[in-house]
N, C-alpha and C. Protein backbone atom coordinates (compact mmCIF):
# COMPACT_ATOMS: atom_id res chain seq x y z
N MET A 1 197.23 34.64 98.82
CA MET A 1 198.48 35.03 99.45
C MET A 1 199.58 34.11 98.93
N THR A 2 200.75 34.69 98.71
CA THR A 2 201.89 33.89 98.24
C THR A 2 202.95 33.80 99.32
N LEU A 3 203.89 32.93 99.12
CA LEU A 3 205.00 32.76 100.06
C LEU A 3 205.76 34.07 100.24
N LYS A 4 205.86 34.85 99.19
CA LYS A 4 206.57 36.13 99.24
C LYS A 4 205.94 37.09 100.26
N ASP A 5 204.64 36.98 100.51
CA ASP A 5 203.92 37.88 101.41
C ASP A 5 204.13 37.57 102.89
N LEU A 6 204.65 36.39 103.20
CA LEU A 6 204.83 36.01 104.60
C LEU A 6 206.02 36.73 105.22
N LYS A 7 205.92 37.00 106.52
CA LYS A 7 206.97 37.66 107.28
C LYS A 7 207.72 36.62 108.11
N PRO A 8 208.95 36.93 108.54
CA PRO A 8 209.69 35.99 109.39
C PRO A 8 208.88 35.61 110.64
N GLY A 9 208.89 34.31 110.96
CA GLY A 9 208.15 33.81 112.11
C GLY A 9 206.77 33.29 111.77
N GLN A 10 206.29 33.52 110.55
CA GLN A 10 204.97 33.03 110.15
C GLN A 10 205.06 31.64 109.55
N SER A 11 203.99 30.88 109.72
CA SER A 11 203.89 29.54 109.15
C SER A 11 202.73 29.52 108.16
N ALA A 12 202.82 28.60 107.20
CA ALA A 12 201.77 28.49 106.19
C ALA A 12 201.77 27.08 105.61
N VAL A 13 200.71 26.79 104.86
CA VAL A 13 200.59 25.51 104.16
C VAL A 13 200.47 25.81 102.67
N VAL A 14 201.22 25.09 101.84
CA VAL A 14 201.17 25.29 100.39
C VAL A 14 199.80 24.84 99.86
N LYS A 15 199.17 25.73 99.09
CA LYS A 15 197.87 25.43 98.50
C LYS A 15 197.97 25.13 97.01
N LYS A 16 198.87 25.86 96.30
CA LYS A 16 198.93 25.71 94.85
C LYS A 16 200.25 26.25 94.32
N LEU A 17 200.76 25.64 93.26
CA LEU A 17 201.95 26.13 92.56
C LEU A 17 201.49 26.68 91.21
N THR A 18 201.89 27.91 90.91
CA THR A 18 201.42 28.53 89.67
C THR A 18 202.48 28.60 88.57
N GLY A 19 203.68 28.13 88.84
CA GLY A 19 204.75 28.16 87.83
C GLY A 19 204.47 27.20 86.68
N GLU A 20 205.29 27.30 85.64
CA GLU A 20 205.13 26.45 84.47
C GLU A 20 206.42 25.67 84.19
N GLY A 21 206.29 24.50 83.62
CA GLY A 21 207.41 23.73 83.11
C GLY A 21 208.52 23.44 84.11
N ALA A 22 209.76 23.75 83.69
CA ALA A 22 210.95 23.43 84.48
C ALA A 22 210.97 24.15 85.82
N VAL A 23 210.47 25.38 85.86
CA VAL A 23 210.46 26.13 87.11
C VAL A 23 209.56 25.45 88.14
N LYS A 24 208.38 25.05 87.72
CA LYS A 24 207.45 24.36 88.61
C LYS A 24 208.05 23.03 89.09
N ARG A 25 208.68 22.32 88.20
CA ARG A 25 209.31 21.04 88.54
C ARG A 25 210.40 21.24 89.59
N ARG A 26 211.22 22.30 89.42
CA ARG A 26 212.31 22.57 90.36
C ARG A 26 211.75 22.90 91.74
N ILE A 27 210.68 23.68 91.78
CA ILE A 27 210.06 24.03 93.06
C ILE A 27 209.53 22.76 93.74
N MET A 28 208.89 21.90 92.98
CA MET A 28 208.37 20.65 93.54
C MET A 28 209.50 19.73 94.01
N ASP A 29 210.60 19.70 93.28
CA ASP A 29 211.75 18.88 93.66
C ASP A 29 212.37 19.33 94.98
N MET A 30 212.20 20.61 95.32
CA MET A 30 212.71 21.14 96.58
C MET A 30 211.81 20.76 97.76
N GLY A 31 210.68 20.12 97.49
CA GLY A 31 209.78 19.71 98.56
C GLY A 31 208.61 20.63 98.78
N LEU A 32 208.48 21.65 97.95
CA LEU A 32 207.37 22.60 98.08
C LEU A 32 206.21 22.11 97.24
N THR A 33 205.45 21.18 97.81
CA THR A 33 204.30 20.61 97.12
C THR A 33 203.03 20.92 97.91
N LYS A 34 201.89 20.71 97.28
CA LYS A 34 200.61 20.99 97.92
C LYS A 34 200.51 20.26 99.26
N GLY A 35 200.14 21.00 100.31
CA GLY A 35 199.99 20.43 101.64
C GLY A 35 201.23 20.52 102.52
N ALA A 36 202.37 20.91 101.95
CA ALA A 36 203.61 21.01 102.73
C ALA A 36 203.53 22.21 103.67
N GLU A 37 203.99 22.01 104.91
CA GLU A 37 204.02 23.10 105.88
C GLU A 37 205.33 23.85 105.76
N ILE A 38 205.24 25.19 105.81
CA ILE A 38 206.39 26.07 105.63
C ILE A 38 206.48 27.01 106.83
N PHE A 39 207.71 27.25 107.29
CA PHE A 39 207.97 28.23 108.34
C PHE A 39 209.01 29.21 107.79
N VAL A 40 208.70 30.49 107.79
CA VAL A 40 209.65 31.50 107.30
C VAL A 40 210.60 31.85 108.42
N ARG A 41 211.88 31.49 108.25
CA ARG A 41 212.89 31.73 109.29
C ARG A 41 213.38 33.17 109.24
N LYS A 42 213.79 33.62 108.07
CA LYS A 42 214.26 35.01 107.96
C LYS A 42 214.25 35.44 106.50
N VAL A 43 214.40 36.75 106.32
CA VAL A 43 214.46 37.34 104.99
C VAL A 43 215.77 38.12 104.90
N ALA A 44 216.48 37.99 103.80
CA ALA A 44 217.75 38.70 103.61
C ALA A 44 217.53 40.21 103.72
N PRO A 45 218.56 40.96 104.09
CA PRO A 45 218.43 42.41 104.29
C PRO A 45 217.78 43.17 103.12
N LEU A 46 218.06 42.78 101.90
CA LEU A 46 217.45 43.45 100.75
C LEU A 46 216.16 42.75 100.29
N GLY A 47 215.70 41.79 101.08
CA GLY A 47 214.43 41.12 100.80
C GLY A 47 214.51 39.90 99.91
N ASP A 48 215.68 39.55 99.45
CA ASP A 48 215.80 38.41 98.55
C ASP A 48 217.11 37.68 98.84
N PRO A 49 217.14 36.43 99.17
CA PRO A 49 216.06 35.44 99.20
C PRO A 49 215.40 35.32 100.58
N LEU A 50 214.39 34.46 100.62
CA LEU A 50 213.71 34.09 101.87
C LEU A 50 214.35 32.80 102.37
N GLU A 51 214.53 32.68 103.66
CA GLU A 51 215.02 31.41 104.21
C GLU A 51 213.83 30.76 104.91
N ILE A 52 213.49 29.56 104.47
CA ILE A 52 212.33 28.85 105.02
C ILE A 52 212.73 27.47 105.52
N THR A 53 211.87 26.91 106.36
CA THR A 53 212.01 25.52 106.79
C THR A 53 210.84 24.76 106.20
N VAL A 54 211.13 23.70 105.47
CA VAL A 54 210.09 22.86 104.88
C VAL A 54 210.53 21.40 104.98
N ARG A 55 209.64 20.56 105.42
CA ARG A 55 209.91 19.11 105.55
C ARG A 55 211.18 18.81 106.34
N GLY A 56 211.47 19.64 107.36
CA GLY A 56 212.59 19.37 108.25
C GLY A 56 213.94 19.89 107.79
N TYR A 57 214.01 20.63 106.70
CA TYR A 57 215.29 21.18 106.28
C TYR A 57 215.13 22.65 105.89
N GLU A 58 216.25 23.36 105.88
CA GLU A 58 216.24 24.78 105.55
C GLU A 58 216.49 24.96 104.07
N LEU A 59 215.83 25.97 103.52
CA LEU A 59 215.86 26.19 102.09
C LEU A 59 215.82 27.69 101.82
N SER A 60 216.59 28.16 100.86
CA SER A 60 216.52 29.56 100.44
C SER A 60 215.76 29.62 99.12
N VAL A 61 214.80 30.54 99.05
CA VAL A 61 213.94 30.67 97.88
C VAL A 61 213.97 32.12 97.40
N ARG A 62 214.19 32.31 96.11
CA ARG A 62 214.17 33.66 95.53
C ARG A 62 212.75 34.21 95.54
N LYS A 63 212.63 35.54 95.60
CA LYS A 63 211.32 36.19 95.58
C LYS A 63 210.52 35.79 94.35
N ALA A 64 211.18 35.73 93.20
CA ALA A 64 210.50 35.39 91.95
C ALA A 64 209.85 34.00 92.04
N ASP A 65 210.54 33.06 92.69
CA ASP A 65 209.98 31.72 92.86
C ASP A 65 208.90 31.72 93.95
N ALA A 66 209.10 32.52 95.00
CA ALA A 66 208.15 32.58 96.10
C ALA A 66 206.80 33.11 95.64
N GLU A 67 206.79 33.96 94.61
CA GLU A 67 205.53 34.49 94.08
C GLU A 67 204.69 33.41 93.41
N MET A 68 205.31 32.32 93.00
CA MET A 68 204.59 31.25 92.31
C MET A 68 203.98 30.23 93.27
N ILE A 69 204.21 30.43 94.57
CA ILE A 69 203.74 29.47 95.56
C ILE A 69 202.61 30.09 96.38
N GLU A 70 201.39 29.65 96.12
CA GLU A 70 200.23 30.16 96.87
C GLU A 70 200.12 29.38 98.18
N VAL A 71 199.95 30.13 99.28
CA VAL A 71 199.90 29.51 100.60
C VAL A 71 198.68 30.02 101.37
N GLU A 72 198.38 29.28 102.42
CA GLU A 72 197.34 29.68 103.39
C GLU A 72 198.01 29.74 104.73
N GLU A 73 197.94 30.90 105.38
CA GLU A 73 198.63 31.09 106.65
C GLU A 73 198.02 30.19 107.74
N LYS A 74 198.91 29.60 108.55
CA LYS A 74 198.46 28.79 109.67
C LYS A 74 198.25 29.71 110.87
N VAL A 75 197.20 29.43 111.60
CA VAL A 75 196.91 30.26 112.78
C VAL A 75 197.33 29.56 114.03
């Protein structure tokens, strides 16, 4: 499951980043690293971007980047 698959109100934990090079580095610099807890706050009307809460701050992530972030849903 990827971050893109989560719906508003769901929480998850980052398991793996599948991006390469500069894209992967940018995602990691935003705080989306293995083990980070994520809460999906809302999704824009056309589905892009996603607004998430990670490490105590809000972040907007494009769908293309969200597909590179493998997560495990928290129950």
